[in-house]
Amino acid sequence: MNIYVGNLSYETTGDGLRAAFEVHGTVSAATVITDRDTGRPRGFGFVEMPDDAQAKAAIEALNGKDLDGRTLNVSQAREKQDRPRGHGRGRSPARPKRGGPPGRSRRGRPLSRPRRQG
């Protein structure tokens, strides 16, 4: 069973998360999710436990408990939903970018005037 663990401290590591759950049964994986740009933890993670009975016991035991100074939110993880990828700045694929050619205003004028050589 895949378990969602929220409200993690930024100091919590995958090993610390694994240790907290191994008290309640076998853990096959424990991961703290990090930001892809900064590499800093995002404050949540996932624990995979092969035995559903042990996983449910761990959820009951650890939900609302303290780990590294933070109260955990522990629940069964939901399936990841397929979300459409964005096309930048909230634009739908059917709506084209506004404006004219690059380097020109909407009225077709150049954005800046060339400097005079002198």
PDB file of N, CA and C in Angstrom:
ATOM      1  N   MET A   1       0.857  -1.188   0.000  1.00  0.00           N
ATOM      2  CA  MET A   1       0.000   0.000   0.000  1.00  0.00           C
ATOM      3  C   MET A   1       0.893   1.237   0.000  1.00  0.00           C
ATOM      4  N   ASN A   2       0.515   2.204  -0.785  1.00  0.00           N
ATOM      5  CA  ASN A   2       1.241   3.466  -0.847  1.00  0.00           C
ATOM      6  C   ASN A   2       0.603   4.435   0.145  1.00  0.00           C
ATOM      7  N   ILE A   3       1.428   5.055   0.983  1.00  0.00           N
ATOM      8  CA  ILE A   3       0.954   5.929   2.056  1.00  0.00           C
ATOM      9  C   ILE A   3       1.481   7.339   1.836  1.00  0.00           C
ATOM     10  N   TYR A   4       0.579   8.319   1.922  1.00  0.00           N
ATOM     11  CA  TYR A   4       0.936   9.734   1.834  1.00  0.00           C
ATOM     12  C   TYR A   4       1.264  10.239   3.227  1.00  0.00           C
ATOM     13  N   VAL A   5       2.366  10.977   3.360  1.00  0.00           N
ATOM     14  CA  VAL A   5       2.748  11.570   4.642  1.00  0.00           C
ATOM     15  C   VAL A   5       2.941  13.059   4.409  1.00  0.00           C
ATOM     16  N   GLY A   6       2.074  13.872   5.007  1.00  0.00           N
ATOM     17  CA  GLY A   6       2.129  15.314   4.822  1.00  0.00           C
ATOM     18  C   GLY A   6       2.573  16.043   6.066  1.00  0.00           C
ATOM     19  N   ASN A   7       2.885  17.322   5.902  1.00  0.00           N
ATOM     20  CA  ASN A   7       3.317  18.212   6.967  1.00  0.00           C
ATOM     21  C   ASN A   7       4.663  17.785   7.551  1.00  0.00           C
ATOM     22  N   LEU A   8       5.552  17.295   6.688  1.00  0.00           N
ATOM     23  CA  LEU A   8       6.880  16.898   7.141  1.00  0.00           C
ATOM     24  C   LEU A   8       7.748  18.121   7.394  1.00  0.00           C
ATOM     25  N   SER A   9       8.637  17.993   8.353  1.00  0.00           N
ATOM     26  CA  SER A   9       9.643  19.019   8.592  1.00  0.00           C
ATOM     27  C   SER A   9      10.614  19.023   7.411  1.00  0.00           C
ATOM     28  N   TYR A  10      11.205  20.179   7.125  1.00  0.00           N
ATOM     29  CA  TYR A  10      12.170  20.251   6.036  1.00  0.00           C
ATOM     30  C   TYR A  10      13.462  19.513   6.378  1.00  0.00           C
ATOM     31  N   GLU A  11      13.647  19.165   7.641  1.00  0.00           N
ATOM     32  CA  GLU A  11      14.827  18.405   8.063  1.00  0.00           C
ATOM     33  C   GLU A  11      14.601  16.896   7.972  1.00  0.00           C
ATOM     34  N   THR A  12      13.372  16.449   7.769  1.00  0.00           N
ATOM     35  CA  THR A  12      13.075  15.020   7.692  1.00  0.00           C
ATOM     36  C   THR A  12      13.634  14.437   6.399  1.00  0.00           C
ATOM     37  N   THR A  13      14.324  13.313   6.518  1.00  0.00           N
ATOM     38  CA  THR A  13      14.897  12.635   5.359  1.00  0.00           C
ATOM     39  C   THR A  13      14.118  11.359   5.069  1.00  0.00           C
ATOM     40  N   GLY A  14      14.419  10.742   3.947  1.00  0.00           N
ATOM     41  CA  GLY A  14      13.806   9.463   3.602  1.00  0.00           C
ATOM     42  C   GLY A  14      14.132   8.393   4.631  1.00  0.00           C
ATOM     43  N   ASP A  15      15.352   8.419   5.152  1.00  0.00           N
ATOM     44  CA  ASP A  15      15.749   7.442   6.179  1.00  0.00           C
ATOM     45  C   ASP A  15      14.980   7.656   7.474  1.00  0.00           C
ATOM     46  N   GLY A  16      14.768   8.906   7.856  1.00  0.00           N
ATOM     47  CA  GLY A  16      13.996   9.198   9.065  1.00  0.00           C
ATOM     48  C   GLY A  16      12.544   8.776   8.918  1.00  0.00           C
ATOM     49  N   LEU A  17      11.999   8.974   7.738  1.00  0.00           N
ATOM     50  CA  LEU A  17      10.634   8.566   7.451  1.00  0.00           C
ATOM     51  C   LEU A  17      10.518   7.044   7.491  1.00  0.00           C
ATOM     52  N   ARG A  18      11.492   6.366   6.898  1.00  0.00           N
ATOM     53  CA  ARG A  18      11.522   4.902   6.912  1.00  0.00           C
ATOM     54  C   ARG A  18      11.586   4.378   8.339  1.00  0.00           C
ATOM     55  N   ALA A  19      12.424   4.984   9.180  1.00  0.00           N
ATOM     56  CA  ALA A  19      12.574   4.531  10.567  1.00  0.00           C
ATOM     57  C   ALA A  19      11.267   4.676  11.348  1.00  0.00           C
ATOM     58  N   ALA A  20      10.532   5.765  11.108  1.00  0.00           N
ATOM     59  CA  ALA A  20       9.272   5.978  11.815  1.00  0.00           C
ATOM     60  C   ALA A  20       8.240   4.915  11.440  1.00  0.00           C
ATOM     61  N   PHE A  21       8.232   4.477  10.180  1.00  0.00           N
ATOM     62  CA  PHE A  21       7.245   3.504   9.725  1.00  0.00           C
ATOM     63  C   PHE A  21       7.673   2.060   9.955  1.00  0.00           C
ATOM     64  N   GLU A  22       8.976   1.777  10.023  1.00  0.00           N
ATOM     65  CA  GLU A  22       9.439   0.402  10.221  1.00  0.00           C
ATOM     66  C   GLU A  22       9.054  -0.152  11.577  1.00  0.00           C
ATOM     67  N   VAL A  23       8.735   0.711  12.512  1.00  0.00           N
ATOM     68  CA  VAL A  23       8.252   0.255  13.825  1.00  0.00           C
ATOM     69  C   VAL A  23       6.942  -0.516  13.658  1.00  0.00           C
ATOM     70  N   HIS A  24       6.189  -0.214  12.621  1.00  0.00           N
ATOM     71  CA  HIS A  24       4.869  -0.805  12.407  1.00  0.00           C
ATOM     72  C   HIS A  24       4.858  -1.896  11.341  1.00  0.00           C
ATOM     73  N   GLY A  25       5.990  -2.182  10.711  1.00  0.00           N
ATOM     74  CA  GLY A  25       6.031  -3.248   9.714  1.00  0.00           C
ATOM     75  C   GLY A  25       7.111  -3.029   8.680  1.00  0.00           C
ATOM     76  N   THR A  26       7.089  -3.851   7.655  1.00  0.00           N
ATOM     77  CA  THR A  26       8.082  -3.813   6.589  1.00  0.00           C
ATOM     78  C   THR A  26       7.825  -2.635   5.653  1.00  0.00           C
ATOM     79  N   VAL A  27       8.879  -1.874   5.392  1.00  0.00           N
ATOM     80  CA  VAL A  27       8.796  -0.735   4.484  1.00  0.00           C
ATOM     81  C   VAL A  27       9.627  -1.065   3.255  1.00  0.00           C
ATOM     82  N   SER A  28       9.017  -1.013   2.076  1.00  0.00           N
ATOM     83  CA  SER A  28       9.770  -1.288   0.849  1.00  0.00           C
ATOM     84  C   SER A  28      10.371  -0.023   0.253  1.00  0.00           C
ATOM     85  N   ALA A  29       9.786   1.142   0.528  1.00  0.00           N
ATOM     86  CA  ALA A  29      10.338   2.415   0.030  1.00  0.00           C
ATOM     87  C   ALA A  29       9.812   3.562   0.876  1.00  0.00           C
ATOM     88  N   ALA A  30      10.660   4.556   1.072  1.00  0.00           N
ATOM     89  CA  ALA A  30      10.266   5.782   1.768  1.00  0.00           C
ATOM     90  C   ALA A  30      10.943   6.947   1.052  1.00  0.00           C
ATOM     91  N   THR A  31      10.147   7.906   0.601  1.00  0.00           N
ATOM     92  CA  THR A  31      10.666   9.007  -0.214  1.00  0.00           C
ATOM     93  C   THR A  31      10.117  10.336   0.278  1.00  0.00           C
ATOM     94  N   VAL A  32      11.008  11.311   0.438  1.00  0.00           N
ATOM     95  CA  VAL A  32      10.605  12.685   0.715  1.00  0.00           C
ATOM     96  C   VAL A  32      10.683  13.419  -0.615  1.00  0.00           C
ATOM     97  N   ILE A  33       9.595  14.063  -1.020  1.00  0.00           N
ATOM     98  CA  ILE A  33       9.526  14.748  -2.314  1.00  0.00           C
ATOM     99  C   ILE A  33      10.258  16.083  -2.224  1.00  0.00           C
ATOM    100  N   THR A  34      11.107  16.349  -3.223  1.00  0.00           N
ATOM    101  CA  THR A  34      11.876  17.590  -3.251  1.00  0.00           C
ATOM    102  C   THR A  34      11.487  18.430  -4.464  1.00  0.00           C
ATOM    103  N   ASP A  35      11.724  19.716  -4.355  1.00  0.00           N
ATOM    104  CA  ASP A  35      11.462  20.642  -5.457  1.00  0.00           C
ATOM    105  C   ASP A  35      12.491  20.400  -6.547  1.00  0.00           C
ATOM    106  N   ARG A  36      12.066  20.289  -7.784  1.00  0.00           N
ATOM    107  CA  ARG A  36      12.999  19.965  -8.863  1.00  0.00           C
ATOM    108  C   ARG A  36      13.947  21.111  -9.182  1.00  0.00           C
ATOM    109  N   ASP A  37      13.568  22.343  -8.880  1.00  0.00           N
ATOM    110  CA  ASP A  37      14.442  23.482  -9.177  1.00  0.00           C
ATOM    111  C   ASP A  37      15.457  23.740  -8.069  1.00  0.00           C
ATOM    112  N   THR A  38      14.992  23.733  -6.811  1.00  0.00           N
ATOM    113  CA  THR A  38      15.874  24.089  -5.702  1.00  0.00           C
ATOM    114  C   THR A  38      16.468  22.881  -4.996  1.00  0.00           C
ATOM    115  N   GLY A  39      15.823  21.711  -5.113  1.00  0.00           N
ATOM    116  CA  GLY A  39      16.302  20.527  -4.412  1.00  0.00           C
ATOM    117  C   GLY A  39      15.887  20.474  -2.959  1.00  0.00           C
ATOM    118  N   ARG A  40      15.154  21.477  -2.490  1.00  0.00           N
ATOM    119  CA  ARG A  40      14.697  21.503  -1.096  1.00  0.00           C
ATOM    120  C   ARG A  40      13.461  20.631  -0.944  1.00  0.00           C
ATOM    121  N   PRO A  41      13.276  20.020   0.242  1.00  0.00           N
ATOM    122  CA  PRO A  41      12.079  19.209   0.473  1.00  0.00           C
ATOM    123  C   PRO A  41      10.815  20.056   0.368  1.00  0.00           C
ATOM    124  N   ARG A  42       9.733  19.436  -0.123  1.00  0.00           N
ATOM    125  CA  ARG A  42       8.464  20.153  -0.302  1.00  0.00           C
ATOM    126  C   ARG A  42       7.514  19.959   0.870  1.00  0.00           C
ATOM    127  N   GLY A  43       7.903  19.160   1.870  1.00  0.00           N
ATOM    128  CA  GLY A  43       7.082  19.017   3.065  1.00  0.00           C
ATOM    129  C   GLY A  43       6.141  17.828   3.040  1.00  0.00           C
ATOM    130  N   PHE A  44       6.303  16.926   2.080  1.00  0.00           N
ATOM    131  CA  PHE A  44       5.502  15.710   2.072  1.00  0.00           C
ATOM    132  C   PHE A  44       6.304  14.587   1.446  1.00  0.00           C
ATOM    133  N   GLY A  45       5.812  13.362   1.640  1.00  0.00           N
ATOM    134  CA  GLY A  45       6.511  12.204   1.095  1.00  0.00           C
ATOM    135  C   GLY A  45       5.574  11.018   0.987  1.00  0.00           C
ATOM    136  N   PHE A  46       6.136   9.896   0.572  1.00  0.00           N
ATOM    137  CA  PHE A  46       5.369   8.664   0.402  1.00  0.00           C
ATOM    138  C   PHE A  46       6.141   7.493   0.986  1.00  0.00           C
ATOM    139  N   VAL A  47       5.396   6.566   1.572  1.00  0.00           N
ATOM    140  CA  VAL A  47       5.960   5.339   2.120  1.00  0.00           C
ATOM    141  C   VAL A  47       5.218   4.176   1.476  1.00  0.00           C
ATOM    142  N   GLU A  48       5.956   3.188   1.010  1.00  0.00           N
ATOM    143  CA  GLU A  48       5.363   1.995   0.403  1.00  0.00           C
ATOM    144  C   GLU A  48       5.550   0.835   1.373  1.00  0.00           C
ATOM    145  N   MET A  49       4.420   0.224   1.752  1.00  0.00           N
ATOM    146  CA  MET A  49       4.444  -0.947   2.634  1.00  0.00           C
ATOM    147  C   MET A  49       3.725  -2.090   1.926  1.00  0.00           C
ATOM    148  N   PRO A  50       4.382  -3.263   1.786  1.00  0.00           N
ATOM    149  CA  PRO A  50       3.777  -4.356   1.026  1.00  0.00           C
ATOM    150  C   PRO A  50       2.574  -5.011   1.704  1.00  0.00           C
ATOM    151  N   ASP A  51       2.538  -5.004   3.033  1.00  0.00           N
ATOM    152  CA  ASP A  51       1.437  -5.637   3.772  1.00  0.00           C
ATOM    153  C   ASP A  51       0.383  -4.582   4.113  1.00  0.00           C
ATOM    154  N   ASP A  52      -0.846  -4.743   3.568  1.00  0.00           N
ATOM    155  CA  ASP A  52      -1.914  -3.756   3.785  1.00  0.00           C
ATOM    156  C   ASP A  52      -2.306  -3.632   5.250  1.00  0.00           C
ATOM    157  N   ALA A  53      -2.307  -4.725   5.988  1.00  0.00           N
ATOM    158  CA  ALA A  53      -2.681  -4.684   7.411  1.00  0.00           C
ATOM    159  C   ALA A  53      -1.669  -3.863   8.199  1.00  0.00           C
ATOM    160  N   GLN A  54      -0.375  -4.065   7.918  1.00  0.00           N
ATOM    161  CA  GLN A  54       0.655  -3.278   8.594  1.00  0.00           C
ATOM    162  C   GLN A  54       0.560  -1.809   8.181  1.00  0.00           C
ATOM    163  N   ALA A  55       0.261  -1.561   6.929  1.00  0.00           N
ATOM    164  CA  ALA A  55       0.146  -0.187   6.441  1.00  0.00           C
ATOM    165  C   ALA A  55      -1.011   0.537   7.129  1.00  0.00           C
ATOM    166  N   LYS A  56      -2.151  -0.132   7.260  1.00  0.00           N
ATOM    167  CA  LYS A  56      -3.297   0.493   7.935  1.00  0.00           C
ATOM    168  C   LYS A  56      -2.990   0.751   9.402  1.00  0.00           C
ATOM    169  N   ALA A  57      -2.264  -0.178  10.041  1.00  0.00           N
ATOM    170  CA  ALA A  57      -1.864   0.022  11.438  1.00  0.00           C
ATOM    171  C   ALA A  57      -0.919   1.218  11.560  1.00  0.00           C
ATOM    172  N   ALA A  58      -0.008   1.362  10.619  1.00  0.00           N
ATOM    173  CA  ALA A  58       0.921   2.491  10.639  1.00  0.00           C
ATOM    174  C   ALA A  58       0.182   3.810  10.432  1.00  0.00           C
ATOM    175  N   ILE A  59      -0.798   3.823   9.528  1.00  0.00           N
ATOM    176  CA  ILE A  59      -1.582   5.041   9.296  1.00  0.00           C
ATOM    177  C   ILE A  59      -2.303   5.453  10.575  1.00  0.00           C
ATOM    178  N   GLU A  60      -2.954   4.477  11.222  1.00  0.00           N
ATOM    179  CA  GLU A  60      -3.679   4.758  12.470  1.00  0.00           C
ATOM    180  C   GLU A  60      -2.740   5.250  13.562  1.00  0.00           C
ATOM    181  N   ALA A  61      -1.567   4.631  13.654  1.00  0.00           N
ATOM    182  CA  ALA A  61      -0.642   4.964  14.732  1.00  0.00           C
ATOM    183  C   ALA A  61       0.059   6.308  14.528  1.00  0.00           C
ATOM    184  N   LEU A  62       0.380   6.655  13.285  1.00  0.00           N
ATOM    185  CA  LEU A  62       1.204   7.839  13.037  1.00  0.00           C
ATOM    186  C   LEU A  62       0.439   9.088  12.641  1.00  0.00           C
ATOM    187  N   ASN A  63      -0.814   8.959  12.220  1.00  0.00           N
ATOM    188  CA  ASN A  63      -1.588  10.145  11.855  1.00  0.00           C
ATOM    189  C   ASN A  63      -1.806  11.010  13.096  1.00  0.00           C
ATOM    190  N   GLY A  64      -1.365  12.263  13.023  1.00  0.00           N
ATOM    191  CA  GLY A  64      -1.505  13.180  14.144  1.00  0.00           C
ATOM    192  C   GLY A  64      -0.350  13.124  15.138  1.00  0.00           C
ATOM    193  N   LYS A  65       0.612  12.244  14.913  1.00  0.00           N
ATOM    194  CA  LYS A  65       1.772  12.142  15.803  1.00  0.00           C
ATOM    195  C   LYS A  65       2.860  13.110  15.365  1.00  0.00           C
ATOM    196  N   ASP A  66       3.803  13.370  16.257  1.00  0.00           N
ATOM    197  CA  ASP A  66       4.880  14.317  16.028  1.00  0.00           C
ATOM    198  C   ASP A  66       6.108  13.608  15.447  1.00  0.00           C
ATOM    199  N   LEU A  67       6.712  14.201  14.398  1.00  0.00           N
ATOM    200  CA  LEU A  67       7.974  13.732  13.843  1.00  0.00           C
ATOM    201  C   LEU A  67       8.815  14.954  13.502  1.00  0.00           C
ATOM    202  N   ASP A  68       9.972  15.068  14.117  1.00  0.00           N
ATOM    203  CA  ASP A  68      10.892  16.199  13.908  1.00  0.00           C
ATOM    204  C   ASP A  68      10.208  17.545  14.148  1.00  0.00           C
ATOM    205  N   GLY A  69       9.339  17.593  15.164  1.00  0.00           N
ATOM    206  CA  GLY A  69       8.701  18.852  15.544  1.00  0.00           C
ATOM    207  C   GLY A  69       7.466  19.225  14.759  1.00  0.00           C
ATOM    208  N   ARG A  70       6.974  18.349  13.892  1.00  0.00           N
ATOM    209  CA  ARG A  70       5.777  18.638  13.104  1.00  0.00           C
ATOM    210  C   ARG A  70       4.756  17.533  13.301  1.00  0.00           C
ATOM    211  N   THR A  71       3.464  17.891  13.308  1.00  0.00           N
ATOM    212  CA  THR A  71       2.383  16.924  13.427  1.00  0.00           C
ATOM    213  C   THR A  71       2.093  16.341  12.049  1.00  0.00           C
ATOM    214  N   LEU A  72       2.209  15.033  11.917  1.00  0.00           N
ATOM    215  CA  LEU A  72       2.060  14.364  10.626  1.00  0.00           C
ATOM    216  C   LEU A  72       0.607  14.238  10.197  1.00  0.00           C
ATOM    217  N   ASN A  73       0.368  14.337   8.896  1.00  0.00           N
ATOM    218  CA  ASN A  73      -0.909  13.986   8.269  1.00  0.00           C
ATOM    219  C   ASN A  73      -0.631  12.730   7.446  1.00  0.00           C
ATOM    220  N   VAL A  74      -1.160  11.601   7.887  1.00  0.00           N
ATOM    221  CA  VAL A  74      -0.871  10.325   7.249  1.00  0.00           C
ATOM    222  C   VAL A  74      -2.171   9.718   6.732  1.00  0.00           C
ATOM    223  N   SER A  75      -2.167   9.302   5.457  1.00  0.00           N
ATOM    224  CA  SER A  75      -3.352   8.676   4.874  1.00  0.00           C
ATOM    225  C   SER A  75      -2.932   7.801   3.709  1.00  0.00           C
ATOM    226  N   GLN A  76      -3.876   6.978   3.251  1.00  0.00           N
ATOM    227  CA  GLN A  76      -3.598   6.162   2.073  1.00  0.00           C
ATOM    228  C   GLN A  76      -3.481   7.092   0.868  1.00  0.00           C
ATOM    229  N   ALA A  77      -2.440   6.893   0.079  1.00  0.00           N
ATOM    230  CA  ALA A  77      -2.209   7.760  -1.077  1.00  0.00           C
ATOM    231  C   ALA A  77      -3.246   7.480  -2.155  1.00  0.00           C
ATOM    232  N   ARG A  78      -3.685   8.555  -2.808  1.00  0.00           N
ATOM    233  CA  ARG A  78      -4.602   8.412  -3.941  1.00  0.00           C
ATOM    234  C   ARG A  78      -3.791   8.166  -5.199  1.00  0.00           C
ATOM    235  N   GLU A  79      -4.426   7.577  -6.182  1.00  0.00           N
ATOM    236  CA  GLU A  79      -3.761   7.358  -7.467  1.00  0.00           C
ATOM    237  C   GLU A  79      -3.466   8.699  -8.113  1.00  0.00           C
ATOM    238  N   LYS A  80      -2.321   8.779  -8.761  1.00  0.00           N
ATOM    239  CA  LYS A  80      -1.950  10.007  -9.442  1.00  0.00           C
ATOM    240  C   LYS A  80      -2.873  10.215 -10.632  1.00  0.00           C
ATOM    241  N   GLN A  81      -3.461  11.401 -10.721  1.00  0.00           N
ATOM    242  CA  GLN A  81      -4.382  11.709 -11.814  1.00  0.00           C
ATOM    243  C   GLN A  81      -3.600  12.227 -13.005  1.00  0.00           C
ATOM    244  N   ASP A  82      -4.042  11.836 -14.190  1.00  0.00           N
ATOM    245  CA  ASP A  82      -3.434  12.368 -15.406  1.00  0.00           C
ATOM    246  C   ASP A  82      -3.947  13.774 -15.629  1.00  0.00           C
ATOM    247  N   ARG A  83      -3.053  14.735 -15.477  1.00  0.00           N
ATOM    248  CA  ARG A  83      -3.426  16.126 -15.700  1.00  0.00           C
ATOM    249  C   ARG A  83      -2.813  16.576 -17.007  1.00  0.00           C
ATOM    250  N   PRO A  84      -3.552  17.349 -17.786  1.00  0.00           N
ATOM    251  CA  PRO A  84      -2.973  17.836 -19.038  1.00  0.00           C
ATOM    252  C   PRO A  84      -1.820  18.786 -18.753  1.00  0.00           C
ATOM    253  N   ARG A  85      -0.794  18.673 -19.549  1.00  0.00           N
ATOM    254  CA  ARG A  85       0.349  19.562 -19.397  1.00  0.00           C
ATOM    255  C   ARG A  85      -0.025  20.944 -19.902  1.00  0.00           C
ATOM    256  N   GLY A  86       0.393  21.966 -19.173  1.00  0.00           N
ATOM    257  CA  GLY A  86       0.101  23.335 -19.568  1.00  0.00           C
ATOM    258  C   GLY A  86       0.986  23.776 -20.712  1.00  0.00           C
ATOM    259  N   HIS A  87       0.576  24.833 -21.358  1.00  0.00           N
ATOM    260  CA  HIS A  87       1.349  25.390 -22.458  1.00  0.00           C
ATOM    261  C   HIS A  87       1.953  26.723 -22.057  1.00  0.00           C
ATOM    262  N   GLY A  88       2.179  26.899 -20.785  1.00  0.00           N
ATOM    263  CA  GLY A  88       2.813  28.128 -20.320  1.00  0.00           C
ATOM    264  C   GLY A  88       1.821  29.241 -20.088  1.00  0.00           C
ATOM    265  N   ARG A  89       1.943  29.895 -19.007  1.00  0.00           N
ATOM    266  CA  ARG A  89       1.154  31.067 -18.624  1.00  0.00           C
ATOM    267  C   ARG A  89      -0.349  30.860 -18.736  1.00  0.00           C
ATOM    268  N   GLY A  90      -0.826  29.662 -18.493  1.00  0.00           N
ATOM    269  CA  GLY A  90      -2.250  29.414 -18.410  1.00  0.00           C
ATOM    270  C   GLY A  90      -3.004  29.411 -19.715  1.00  0.00           C
ATOM    271  N   ARG A  91      -2.318  29.347 -20.819  1.00  0.00           N
ATOM    272  CA  ARG A  91      -2.969  29.380 -22.120  1.00  0.00           C
ATOM    273  C   ARG A  91      -3.390  27.980 -22.525  1.00  0.00           C
ATOM    274  N   SER A  92      -4.576  27.862 -23.083  1.00  0.00           N
ATOM    275  CA  SER A  92      -4.999  26.564 -23.595  1.00  0.00           C
ATOM    276  C   SER A  92      -4.423  26.390 -24.999  1.00  0.00           C
ATOM    277  N   PRO A  93      -4.268  25.157 -25.457  1.00  0.00           N
ATOM    278  CA  PRO A  93      -3.668  24.963 -26.779  1.00  0.00           C
ATOM    279  C   PRO A  93      -4.484  25.563 -27.919  1.00  0.00           C
ATOM    280  N   ALA A  94      -5.789  25.733 -27.743  1.00  0.00           N
ATOM    281  CA  ALA A  94      -6.631  26.261 -28.809  1.00  0.00           C
ATOM    282  C   ALA A  94      -6.530  27.781 -28.920  1.00  0.00           C
ATOM    283  N   ARG A  95      -5.984  28.422 -27.908  1.00  0.00           N
ATOM    284  CA  ARG A  95      -5.909  29.880 -27.913  1.00  0.00           C
ATOM    285  C   ARG A  95      -4.480  30.311 -28.237  1.00  0.00           C
ATOM    286  N   PRO A  96      -4.258  30.850 -29.404  1.00  0.00           N
ATOM    287  CA  PRO A  96      -2.890  31.203 -29.792  1.00  0.00           C
ATOM    288  C   PRO A  96      -2.384  32.422 -29.026  1.00  0.00           C
ATOM    289  N   LYS A  97      -1.090  32.579 -29.043  1.00  0.00           N
ATOM    290  CA  LYS A  97      -0.455  33.726 -28.417  1.00  0.00           C
ATOM    291  C   LYS A  97      -0.878  34.990 -29.157  1.00  0.00           C
ATOM    292  N   ARG A  98      -1.154  36.023 -28.399  1.00  0.00           N
ATOM    293  CA  ARG A  98      -1.556  37.287 -29.006  1.00  0.00           C
ATOM    294  C   ARG A  98      -0.339  38.046 -29.494  1.00  0.00           C
ATOM    295  N   GLY A  99      -0.589  38.990 -30.373  1.00  0.00           N
ATOM    296  CA  GLY A  99       0.477  39.867 -30.822  1.00  0.00           C
ATOM    297  C   GLY A  99       0.930  39.538 -32.216  1.00  0.00           C
ATOM    298  N   GLY A 100       1.794  40.378 -32.702  1.00  0.00           N
ATOM    299  CA  GLY A 100       2.287  40.226 -34.054  1.00  0.00           C
ATOM    300  C   GLY A 100       3.603  39.478 -34.085  1.00  0.00           C
ATOM    301  N   PRO A 101       4.383  39.738 -35.117  1.00  0.00           N
ATOM    302  CA  PRO A 101       5.667  39.060 -35.244  1.00  0.00           C
ATOM    303  C   PRO A 101       6.619  39.495 -34.137  1.00  0.00           C
ATOM    304  N   PRO A 102       7.624  38.672 -33.828  1.00  0.00           N
ATOM    305  CA  PRO A 102       8.567  39.031 -32.772  1.00  0.00           C
ATOM    306  C   PRO A 102       9.297  40.329 -33.092  1.00  0.00           C
ATOM    307  N   GLY A 103       9.491  41.147 -32.071  1.00  0.00           N
ATOM    308  CA  GLY A 103      10.209  42.404 -32.257  1.00  0.00           C
ATOM    309  C   GLY A 103       9.359  43.545 -32.735  1.00  0.00           C
ATOM    310  N   ARG A 104       8.059  43.318 -32.842  1.00  0.00           N
ATOM    311  CA  ARG A 104       7.160  44.371 -33.308  1.00  0.00           C
ATOM    312  C   ARG A 104       5.991  44.500 -32.341  1.00  0.00           C
ATOM    313  N   SER A 105       5.415  45.700 -32.303  1.00  0.00           N
ATOM    314  CA  SER A 105       4.252  45.926 -31.466  1.00  0.00           C
ATOM    315  C   SER A 105       3.021  45.312 -32.123  1.00  0.00           C
ATOM    316  N   ARG A 106       1.896  45.395 -31.461  1.00  0.00           N
ATOM    317  CA  ARG A 106       0.653  44.851 -32.025  1.00  0.00           C
ATOM    318  C   ARG A 106       0.232  45.579 -33.293  1.00  0.00           C
ATOM    319  N   ARG A 107       0.652  46.812 -33.415  1.00  0.00           N
ATOM    320  CA  ARG A 107       0.311  47.598 -34.606  1.00  0.00           C
ATOM    321  C   ARG A 107       1.332  47.414 -35.722  1.00  0.00           C
ATOM    322  N   GLY A 108       2.328  46.556 -35.505  1.00  0.00           N
ATOM    323  CA  GLY A 108       3.308  46.280 -36.537  1.00  0.00           C
ATOM    324  C   GLY A 108       4.512  47.195 -36.530  1.00  0.00           C
ATOM    325  N   ARG A 109       4.575  48.137 -35.573  1.00  0.00           N
ATOM    326  CA  ARG A 109       5.708  49.045 -35.496  1.00  0.00           C
ATOM    327  C   ARG A 109       6.875  48.367 -34.769  1.00  0.00           C
ATOM    328  N   PRO A 110       8.100  48.760 -35.069  1.00  0.00           N
ATOM    329  CA  PRO A 110       9.243  48.207 -34.326  1.00  0.00           C
ATOM    330  C   PRO A 110       9.147  48.587 -32.848  1.00  0.00           C
ATOM    331  N   LEU A 111       9.627  47.690 -31.975  1.00  0.00           N
ATOM    332  CA  LEU A 111       9.561  47.965 -30.546  1.00  0.00           C
ATOM    333  C   LEU A 111      10.528  49.064 -30.116  1.00  0.00           C
ATOM    334  N   SER A 112      11.652  49.157 -30.762  1.00  0.00           N
ATOM    335  CA  SER A 112      12.599  50.242 -30.435  1.00  0.00           C
ATOM    336  C   SER A 112      13.176  50.770 -31.734  1.00  0.00           C
ATOM    337  N   ARG A 113      13.588  52.003 -31.671  1.00  0.00           N
ATOM    338  CA  ARG A 113      14.163  52.622 -32.849  1.00  0.00           C
ATOM    339  C   ARG A 113      15.665  52.362 -32.862  1.00  0.00           C
ATOM    340  N   PRO A 114      16.223  52.149 -34.029  1.00  0.00           N
ATOM    341  CA  PRO A 114      17.667  51.922 -34.080  1.00  0.00           C
ATOM    342  C   PRO A 114      18.418  53.192 -33.695  1.00  0.00           C
ATOM    343  N   ARG A 115      19.554  53.010 -33.051  1.00  0.00           N
ATOM    344  CA  ARG A 115      20.365  54.170 -32.651  1.00  0.00           C
ATOM    345  C   ARG A 115      21.105  54.740 -33.847  1.00  0.00           C
ATOM    346  N   ARG A 116      21.231  56.044 -33.808  1.00  0.00           N
ATOM    347  CA  ARG A 116      21.951  56.713 -34.897  1.00  0.00           C
ATOM    348  C   ARG A 116      23.454  56.582 -34.665  1.00  0.00           C
ATOM    349  N   GLN A 117      24.140  56.306 -35.729  1.00  0.00           N
ATOM    350  CA  GLN A 117      25.586  56.254 -35.663  1.00  0.00           C
ATOM    351  C   GLN A 117      26.116  57.674 -35.868  1.00  0.00           C
ATOM    352  N   GLY A 118      27.016  58.119 -35.034  1.00  0.00           N
ATOM    353  CA  GLY A 118      27.446  59.474 -35.254  1.00  0.00           C
ATOM    354  C   GLY A 118      28.692  59.794 -34.670  1.00  0.00           C
TER     355      GLY A 118
END
